[in-house]
PDB file of N, CA and C in Angstrom:
ATOM      1  N   MET A   1     137.305  73.339  61.584  1.00  0.00           N
ATOM      2  CA  MET A   1     136.206  72.413  61.784  1.00  0.00           C
ATOM      3  C   MET A   1     135.626  72.566  63.182  1.00  0.00           C
ATOM      4  N   GLN A   2     136.463  72.776  64.175  1.00  0.00           N
ATOM      5  CA  GLN A   2     135.971  72.913  65.542  1.00  0.00           C
ATOM      6  C   GLN A   2     135.102  74.162  65.679  1.00  0.00           C
ATOM      7  N   ALA A   3     135.484  75.283  65.043  1.00  0.00           N
ATOM      8  CA  ALA A   3     134.703  76.519  65.127  1.00  0.00           C
ATOM      9  C   ALA A   3     133.311  76.326  64.542  1.00  0.00           C
ATOM     10  N   SER A   4     133.193  75.630  63.416  1.00  0.00           N
ATOM     11  CA  SER A   4     131.881  75.429  62.819  1.00  0.00           C
ATOM     12  C   SER A   4     131.017  74.511  63.685  1.00  0.00           C
ATOM     13  N   PHE A   5     131.625  73.552  64.364  1.00  0.00           N
ATOM     14  CA  PHE A   5     130.884  72.689  65.270  1.00  0.00           C
ATOM     15  C   PHE A   5     130.320  73.501  66.435  1.00  0.00           C
ATOM     16  N   LEU A   6     131.160  74.378  67.013  1.00  0.00           N
ATOM     17  CA  LEU A   6     130.694  75.220  68.115  1.00  0.00           C
ATOM     18  C   LEU A   6     129.638  76.211  67.653  1.00  0.00           C
ATOM     19  N   ASP A   7     129.789  76.749  66.447  1.00  0.00           N
ATOM     20  CA  ASP A   7     128.775  77.638  65.894  1.00  0.00           C
ATOM     21  C   ASP A   7     127.441  76.907  65.751  1.00  0.00           C
ATOM     22  N   TRP A   8     127.497  75.660  65.326  1.00  0.00           N
ATOM     23  CA  TRP A   8     126.286  74.859  65.163  1.00  0.00           C
ATOM     24  C   TRP A   8     125.620  74.617  66.517  1.00  0.00           C
ATOM     25  N   ILE A   9     126.409  74.320  67.547  1.00  0.00           N
ATOM     26  CA  ILE A   9     125.854  74.048  68.876  1.00  0.00           C
ATOM     27  C   ILE A   9     125.225  75.304  69.475  1.00  0.00           C
ATOM     28  N   PHE A  10     125.890  76.437  69.325  1.00  0.00           N
ATOM     29  CA  PHE A  10     125.443  77.668  69.970  1.00  0.00           C
ATOM     30  C   PHE A  10     124.676  78.610  69.046  1.00  0.00           C
ATOM     31  N   ARG A  11     124.231  78.109  67.921  1.00  0.00           N
ATOM     32  CA  ARG A  11     123.479  78.961  66.987  1.00  0.00           C
ATOM     33  C   ARG A  11     122.137  79.345  67.607  1.00  0.00           C
ATOM     34  N   PRO A  12     121.613  80.520  67.228  1.00  0.00           N
ATOM     35  CA  PRO A  12     120.305  80.924  67.740  1.00  0.00           C
ATOM     36  C   PRO A  12     119.231  79.951  67.275  1.00  0.00           C
ATOM     37  N   ASN A  13     118.253  79.758  68.087  1.00  0.00           N
ATOM     38  CA  ASN A  13     117.174  78.837  67.774  1.00  0.00           C
ATOM     39  C   ASN A  13     116.202  79.514  66.813  1.00  0.00           C
ATOM     40  N   LYS A  14     116.331  79.225  65.532  1.00  0.00           N
ATOM     41  CA  LYS A  14     115.506  79.847  64.495  1.00  0.00           C
ATOM     42  C   LYS A  14     114.044  79.445  64.637  1.00  0.00           C
ATOM     43  N   SER A  15     113.767  78.224  65.099  1.00  0.00           N
ATOM     44  CA  SER A  15     112.378  77.785  65.212  1.00  0.00           C
ATOM     45  C   SER A  15     111.620  78.610  66.244  1.00  0.00           C
ATOM     46  N   GLU A  16     112.295  79.070  67.297  1.00  0.00           N
ATOM     47  CA  GLU A  16     111.655  79.935  68.292  1.00  0.00           C
ATOM     48  C   GLU A  16     111.284  81.277  67.669  1.00  0.00           C
ATOM     49  N   ASP A  17     112.179  81.834  66.825  1.00  0.00           N
ATOM     50  CA  ASP A  17     111.897  83.098  66.153  1.00  0.00           C
ATOM     51  C   ASP A  17     110.694  82.959  65.229  1.00  0.00           C
ATOM     52  N   VAL A  18     110.660  81.886  64.459  1.00  0.00           N
ATOM     53  CA  VAL A  18     109.558  81.644  63.535  1.00  0.00           C
ATOM     54  C   VAL A  18     108.263  81.446  64.309  1.00  0.00           C
ATOM     55  N   ARG A  19     108.319  80.676  65.375  1.00  0.00           N
ATOM     56  CA  ARG A  19     107.135  80.432  66.196  1.00  0.00           C
ATOM     57  C   ARG A  19     106.613  81.737  66.800  1.00  0.00           C
ATOM     58  N   SER A  20     107.497  82.552  67.306  1.00  0.00           N
ATOM     59  CA  SER A  20     107.114  83.826  67.912  1.00  0.00           C
ATOM     60  C   SER A  20     106.486  84.760  66.875  1.00  0.00           C
ATOM     61  N   THR A  21     107.085  84.820  65.687  1.00  0.00           N
ATOM     62  CA  THR A  21     106.546  85.659  64.622  1.00  0.00           C
ATOM     63  C   THR A  21     105.159  85.187  64.208  1.00  0.00           C
ATOM     64  N   ALA A  22     104.987  83.895  64.050  1.00  0.00           N
ATOM     65  CA  ALA A  22     103.685  83.343  63.668  1.00  0.00           C
ATOM     66  C   ALA A  22     102.638  83.625  64.751  1.00  0.00           C
ATOM     67  N   LYS A  23     103.026  83.492  65.999  1.00  0.00           N
ATOM     68  CA  LYS A  23     102.112  83.755  67.108  1.00  0.00           C
ATOM     69  C   LYS A  23     101.679  85.221  67.115  1.00  0.00           C
ATOM     70  N   ASP A  24     102.625  86.134  66.906  1.00  0.00           N
ATOM     71  CA  ASP A  24     102.315  87.566  66.865  1.00  0.00           C
ATOM     72  C   ASP A  24     101.374  87.894  65.716  1.00  0.00           C
ATOM     73  N   ARG A  25     101.618  87.288  64.555  1.00  0.00           N
ATOM     74  CA  ARG A  25     100.745  87.525  63.398  1.00  0.00           C
ATOM     75  C   ARG A  25      99.337  87.003  63.653  1.00  0.00           C
ATOM     76  N   MET A  26      99.244  85.841  64.259  1.00  0.00           N
ATOM     77  CA  MET A  26      97.924  85.267  64.551  1.00  0.00           C
ATOM     78  C   MET A  26      97.177  86.137  65.556  1.00  0.00           C
ATOM     79  N   ARG A  27      97.877  86.602  66.580  1.00  0.00           N
ATOM     80  CA  ARG A  27      97.256  87.472  67.584  1.00  0.00           C
ATOM     81  C   ARG A  27      96.748  88.756  66.927  1.00  0.00           C
ATOM     82  N   SER A  28      97.552  89.314  66.027  1.00  0.00           N
ATOM     83  CA  SER A  28      97.155  90.533  65.323  1.00  0.00           C
ATOM     84  C   SER A  28      95.930  90.291  64.447  1.00  0.00           C
ATOM     85  N   MET A  29      95.907  89.158  63.744  1.00  0.00           N
ATOM     86  CA  MET A  29      94.763  88.828  62.902  1.00  0.00           C
ATOM     87  C   MET A  29      93.498  88.657  63.729  1.00  0.00           C
ATOM     88  N   LEU A  30      93.585  87.984  64.858  1.00  0.00           N
ATOM     89  CA  LEU A  30      92.412  87.791  65.710  1.00  0.00           C
ATOM     90  C   LEU A  30      91.901  89.116  66.271  1.00  0.00           C
ATOM     91  N   THR A  31      92.817  89.971  66.685  1.00  0.00           N
ATOM     92  CA  THR A  31      92.425  91.282  67.201  1.00  0.00           C
ATOM     93  C   THR A  31      91.760  92.094  66.107  1.00  0.00           C
ATOM     94  N   HIS A  32      92.336  92.091  64.919  1.00  0.00           N
ATOM     95  CA  HIS A  32      91.778  92.803  63.771  1.00  0.00           C
ATOM     96  C   HIS A  32      90.370  92.294  63.481  1.00  0.00           C
ATOM     97  N   ASP A  33      90.201  90.977  63.532  1.00  0.00           N
ATOM     98  CA  ASP A  33      88.901  90.365  63.269  1.00  0.00           C
ATOM     99  C   ASP A  33      87.888  90.752  64.340  1.00  0.00           C
ATOM    100  N   ARG A  34      88.269  90.739  65.600  1.00  0.00           N
ATOM    101  CA  ARG A  34      87.346  91.088  66.689  1.00  0.00           C
ATOM    102  C   ARG A  34      86.925  92.546  66.644  1.00  0.00           C
ATOM    103  N   LEU A  35      87.793  93.407  66.136  1.00  0.00           N
ATOM    104  CA  LEU A  35      87.445  94.824  66.005  1.00  0.00           C
ATOM    105  C   LEU A  35      86.555  95.083  64.796  1.00  0.00           C
ATOM    106  N   GLU A  36      86.403  94.076  63.954  1.00  0.00           N
ATOM    107  CA  GLU A  36      85.576  94.155  62.754  1.00  0.00           C
ATOM    108  C   GLU A  36      85.986  95.320  61.864  1.00  0.00           C
ATOM    109  N   LEU A  37      87.291  95.485  61.671  1.00  0.00           N
ATOM    110  CA  LEU A  37      87.808  96.538  60.806  1.00  0.00           C
ATOM    111  C   LEU A  37      87.738  96.079  59.350  1.00  0.00           C
ATOM    112  N   PRO A  38      87.208  96.927  58.485  1.00  0.00           N
ATOM    113  CA  PRO A  38      87.207  96.580  57.060  1.00  0.00           C
ATOM    114  C   PRO A  38      88.639  96.488  56.531  1.00  0.00           C
ATOM    115  N   ALA A  39      88.813  95.743  55.470  1.00  0.00           N
ATOM    116  CA  ALA A  39      90.140  95.584  54.869  1.00  0.00           C
ATOM    117  C   ALA A  39      90.716  96.939  54.503  1.00  0.00           C
ATOM    118  N   GLY A  40      91.956  97.165  54.866  1.00  0.00           N
ATOM    119  CA  GLY A  40      92.644  98.397  54.529  1.00  0.00           C
ATOM    120  C   GLY A  40      92.420  99.544  55.505  1.00  0.00           C
ATOM    121  N   ARG A  41      91.472  99.402  56.413  1.00  0.00           N
ATOM    122  CA  ARG A  41      91.159 100.498  57.334  1.00  0.00           C
ATOM    123  C   ARG A  41      92.315 100.784  58.289  1.00  0.00           C
ATOM    124  N   LEU A  42      92.953  99.733  58.796  1.00  0.00           N
ATOM    125  CA  LEU A  42      94.071  99.925  59.713  1.00  0.00           C
ATOM    126  C   LEU A  42      95.243 100.610  59.010  1.00  0.00           C
ATOM    127  N   GLU A  43      95.507 100.230  57.770  1.00  0.00           N
ATOM    128  CA  GLU A  43      96.584 100.856  57.016  1.00  0.00           C
ATOM    129  C   GLU A  43      96.289 102.331  56.777  1.00  0.00           C
ATOM    130  N   THR A  44      95.029 102.666  56.489  1.00  0.00           N
ATOM    131  CA  THR A  44      94.629 104.061  56.310  1.00  0.00           C
ATOM    132  C   THR A  44      94.815 104.845  57.598  1.00  0.00           C
ATOM    133  N   LEU A  45      94.432 104.253  58.711  1.00  0.00           N
ATOM    134  CA  LEU A  45      94.601 104.889  60.013  1.00  0.00           C
ATOM    135  C   LEU A  45      96.079 105.167  60.284  1.00  0.00           C
ATOM    136  N   GLU A  46      96.931 104.197  60.001  1.00  0.00           N
ATOM    137  CA  GLU A  46      98.368 104.365  60.209  1.00  0.00           C
ATOM    138  C   GLU A  46      98.917 105.508  59.357  1.00  0.00           C
ATOM    139  N   GLU A  47      98.495 105.585  58.096  1.00  0.00           N
ATOM    140  CA  GLU A  47      98.948 106.662  57.208  1.00  0.00           C
ATOM    141  C   GLU A  47      98.496 108.019  57.737  1.00  0.00           C
ATOM    142  N   GLU A  48      97.264 108.098  58.225  1.00  0.00           N
ATOM    143  CA  GLU A  48      96.749 109.357  58.751  1.00  0.00           C
ATOM    144  C   GLU A  48      97.483 109.769  60.025  1.00  0.00           C
ATOM    145  N   LEU A  49      97.808 108.812  60.885  1.00  0.00           N
ATOM    146  CA  LEU A  49      98.564 109.130  62.102  1.00  0.00           C
ATOM    147  C   LEU A  49      99.948 109.670  61.757  1.00  0.00           C
ATOM    148  N   VAL A  50     100.606 109.056  60.792  1.00  0.00           N
ATOM    149  CA  VAL A  50     101.919 109.541  60.365  1.00  0.00           C
ATOM    150  C   VAL A  50     101.802 110.965  59.821  1.00  0.00           C
ATOM    151  N   ALA A  51     100.758 111.239  59.047  1.00  0.00           N
ATOM    152  CA  ALA A  51     100.568 112.575  58.487  1.00  0.00           C
ATOM    153  C   ALA A  51     100.363 113.621  59.582  1.00  0.00           C
ATOM    154  N   VAL A  52      99.566 113.287  60.599  1.00  0.00           N
ATOM    155  CA  VAL A  52      99.302 114.234  61.686  1.00  0.00           C
ATOM    156  C   VAL A  52     100.570 114.496  62.496  1.00  0.00           C
ATOM    157  N   VAL A  53     101.273 113.450  62.893  1.00  0.00           N
ATOM    158  CA  VAL A  53     102.482 113.618  63.696  1.00  0.00           C
ATOM    159  C   VAL A  53     103.557 114.337  62.881  1.00  0.00           C
ATOM    160  N   SER A  54     103.578 114.112  61.570  1.00  0.00           N
ATOM    161  CA  SER A  54     104.564 114.752  60.697  1.00  0.00           C
ATOM    162  C   SER A  54     104.370 116.268  60.611  1.00  0.00           C
ATOM    163  N   ARG A  55     103.181 116.757  60.934  1.00  0.00           N
ATOM    164  CA  ARG A  55     102.970 118.203  60.954  1.00  0.00           C
ATOM    165  C   ARG A  55     103.781 118.878  62.056  1.00  0.00           C
ATOM    166  N   TYR A  56     104.058 118.148  63.116  1.00  0.00           N
ATOM    167  CA  TYR A  56     104.717 118.705  64.291  1.00  0.00           C
ATOM    168  C   TYR A  56     106.170 118.248  64.478  1.00  0.00           C
ATOM    169  N   PHE A  57     106.518 117.115  63.865  1.00  0.00           N
ATOM    170  CA  PHE A  57     107.857 116.551  64.028  1.00  0.00           C
ATOM    171  C   PHE A  57     108.362 115.986  62.708  1.00  0.00           C
ATOM    172  N   ASP A  58     109.684 116.044  62.536  1.00  0.00           N
ATOM    173  CA  ASP A  58     110.319 115.274  61.468  1.00  0.00           C
ATOM    174  C   ASP A  58     110.444 113.852  61.990  1.00  0.00           C
ATOM    175  N   LEU A  59     109.989 112.894  61.198  1.00  0.00           N
ATOM    176  CA  LEU A  59     109.972 111.487  61.617  1.00  0.00           C
ATOM    177  C   LEU A  59     110.973 110.675  60.816  1.00  0.00           C
ATOM    178  N   ASP A  60     111.470 109.626  61.448  1.00  0.00           N
ATOM    179  CA  ASP A  60     112.223 108.607  60.738  1.00  0.00           C
ATOM    180  C   ASP A  60     111.200 107.550  60.332  1.00  0.00           C
ATOM    181  N   LYS A  61     110.665 107.681  59.137  1.00  0.00           N
ATOM    182  CA  LYS A  61     109.565 106.814  58.707  1.00  0.00           C
ATOM    183  C   LYS A  61     109.985 105.361  58.530  1.00  0.00           C
ATOM    184  N   ASP A  62     111.291 105.113  58.380  1.00  0.00           N
ATOM    185  CA  ASP A  62     111.770 103.736  58.247  1.00  0.00           C
ATOM    186  C   ASP A  62     111.630 102.959  59.548  1.00  0.00           C
ATOM    187  N   THR A  63     111.625 103.659  60.672  1.00  0.00           N
ATOM    188  CA  THR A  63     111.529 102.964  61.963  1.00  0.00           C
ATOM    189  C   THR A  63     110.156 103.111  62.614  1.00  0.00           C
ATOM    190  N   THR A  64     109.214 103.777  61.924  1.00  0.00           N
ATOM    191  CA  THR A  64     107.857 103.892  62.457  1.00  0.00           C
ATOM    192  C   THR A  64     107.219 102.510  62.486  1.00  0.00           C
ATOM    193  N   HIS A  65     106.588 102.197  63.610  1.00  0.00           N
ATOM    194  CA  HIS A  65     106.029 100.855  63.783  1.00  0.00           C
ATOM    195  C   HIS A  65     104.683 100.946  64.500  1.00  0.00           C
ATOM    196  N   PHE A  66     103.718 100.189  64.033  1.00  0.00           N
ATOM    197  CA  PHE A  66     102.406 100.104  64.662  1.00  0.00           C
ATOM    198  C   PHE A  66     102.166  98.673  65.094  1.00  0.00           C
ATOM    199  N   ASP A  67     101.507  98.527  66.224  1.00  0.00           N
ATOM    200  CA  ASP A  67     101.214  97.190  66.737  1.00  0.00           C
ATOM    201  C   ASP A  67      99.809  97.205  67.327  1.00  0.00           C
ATOM    202  N   LEU A  68      98.994  96.280  66.911  1.00  0.00           N
ATOM    203  CA  LEU A  68      97.639  96.135  67.423  1.00  0.00           C
ATOM    204  C   LEU A  68      97.646  94.995  68.429  1.00  0.00           C
ATOM    205  N   GLN A  69      97.300  95.300  69.679  1.00  0.00           N
ATOM    206  CA  GLN A  69      97.330  94.295  70.738  1.00  0.00           C
ATOM    207  C   GLN A  69      95.986  94.235  71.438  1.00  0.00           C
ATOM    208  N   GLN A  70      95.720  93.095  72.036  1.00  0.00           N
ATOM    209  CA  GLN A  70      94.469  92.941  72.775  1.00  0.00           C
ATOM    210  C   GLN A  70      94.756  92.455  74.184  1.00  0.00           C
ATOM    211  N   TYR A  71      94.127  93.113  75.146  1.00  0.00           N
ATOM    212  CA  TYR A  71      94.232  92.754  76.552  1.00  0.00           C
ATOM    213  C   TYR A  71      92.818  92.638  77.108  1.00  0.00           C
ATOM    214  N   GLU A  72      92.465  91.453  77.535  1.00  0.00           N
ATOM    215  CA  GLU A  72      91.168  91.221  78.169  1.00  0.00           C
ATOM    216  C   GLU A  72      90.016  91.874  77.401  1.00  0.00           C
ATOM    217  N   ARG A  73      89.888  91.534  76.146  1.00  0.00           N
ATOM    218  CA  ARG A  73      88.803  92.005  75.286  1.00  0.00           C
ATOM    219  C   ARG A  73      88.852  93.491  74.940  1.00  0.00           C
ATOM    220  N   ARG A  74      89.956  94.149  75.228  1.00  0.00           N
ATOM    221  CA  ARG A  74      90.138  95.545  74.840  1.00  0.00           C
ATOM    222  C   ARG A  74      91.359  95.631  73.938  1.00  0.00           C
ATOM    223  N   ALA A  75      91.209  96.395  72.891  1.00  0.00           N
ATOM    224  CA  ALA A  75      92.302  96.505  71.927  1.00  0.00           C
ATOM    225  C   ALA A  75      93.086  97.792  72.148  1.00  0.00           C
ATOM    226  N   SER A  76      94.370  97.730  71.836  1.00  0.00           N
ATOM    227  CA  SER A  76      95.253  98.893  71.919  1.00  0.00           C
ATOM    228  C   SER A  76      96.041  98.987  70.621  1.00  0.00           C
ATOM    229  N   LEU A  77      96.133 100.185  70.105  1.00  0.00           N
ATOM    230  CA  LEU A  77      96.994 100.439  68.960  1.00  0.00           C
ATOM    231  C   LEU A  77      98.219 101.145  69.493  1.00  0.00           C
ATOM    232  N   ILE A  78      99.359 100.498  69.374  1.00  0.00           N
ATOM    233  CA  ILE A  78     100.622 101.047  69.845  1.00  0.00           C
ATOM    234  C   ILE A  78     101.342 101.628  68.632  1.00  0.00           C
ATOM    235  N   ALA A  79     101.678 102.918  68.715  1.00  0.00           N
ATOM    236  CA  ALA A  79     102.384 103.584  67.625  1.00  0.00           C
ATOM    237  C   ALA A  79     103.743 104.045  68.131  1.00  0.00           C
ATOM    238  N   ASN A  80     104.790 103.626  67.453  1.00  0.00           N
ATOM    239  CA  ASN A  80     106.154 104.037  67.794  1.00  0.00           C
ATOM    240  C   ASN A  80     106.702 104.895  66.666  1.00  0.00           C
ATOM    241  N   PHE A  81     106.994 106.140  66.998  1.00  0.00           N
ATOM    242  CA  PHE A  81     107.568 107.081  66.045  1.00  0.00           C
ATOM    243  C   PHE A  81     108.940 107.497  66.553  1.00  0.00           C
ATOM    244  N   ARG A  82     109.927 107.438  65.710  1.00  0.00           N
ATOM    245  CA  ARG A  82     111.230 107.992  66.072  1.00  0.00           C
ATOM    246  C   ARG A  82     111.216 109.450  65.648  1.00  0.00           C
ATOM    247  N   LEU A  83     111.201 110.350  66.620  1.00  0.00           N
ATOM    248  CA  LEU A  83     111.121 111.781  66.353  1.00  0.00           C
ATOM    249  C   LEU A  83     112.526 112.331  66.168  1.00  0.00           C
ATOM    250  N   LEU A  84     112.773 112.935  65.021  1.00  0.00           N
ATOM    251  CA  LEU A  84     114.098 113.466  64.725  1.00  0.00           C
ATOM    252  C   LEU A  84     114.255 114.889  65.271  1.00  0.00           C
ATOM    253  N   ARG A  85     113.220 115.712  65.073  1.00  0.00           N
ATOM    254  CA  ARG A  85     113.248 117.058  65.647  1.00  0.00           C
ATOM    255  C   ARG A  85     111.860 117.681  65.533  1.00  0.00           C
ATOM    256  N   SER A  86     111.648 118.689  66.338  1.00  0.00           N
ATOM    257  CA  SER A  86     110.379 119.391  66.382  1.00  0.00           C
ATOM    258  C   SER A  86     110.304 120.403  65.235  1.00  0.00           C
ATOM    259  N   LYS A  87     109.127 120.598  64.698  1.00  0.00           N
ATOM    260  CA  LYS A  87     108.923 121.607  63.669  1.00  0.00           C
ATOM    261  C   LYS A  87     108.361 122.896  64.268  1.00  0.00           C
ATOM    262  N   CYS A  88     108.108 122.916  65.545  1.00  0.00           N
ATOM    263  CA  CYS A  88     107.508 124.081  66.221  1.00  0.00           C
ATOM    264  C   CYS A  88     108.523 125.138  66.515  1.00  0.00           C
TER     265      CYS A  88
END
């Protein structure tokens, strides 16, 4: 009983995780809207980037991640590829 009480006291704050995730999604939606991208265009761009990088490297596609961010009215597309090895 004491262990479960301590687990309850020191458990991670799930509401912070949910709040952070919601904030990130909202920021992404606003950036997407400000760029006036048609529906599906960002997904197409991501697929094309993976195809181009895949010509030169073996990728771990399960860990590939894209993030659209905005800084002072300028947008950035951050692409993270885990490169397994070069094909060159």
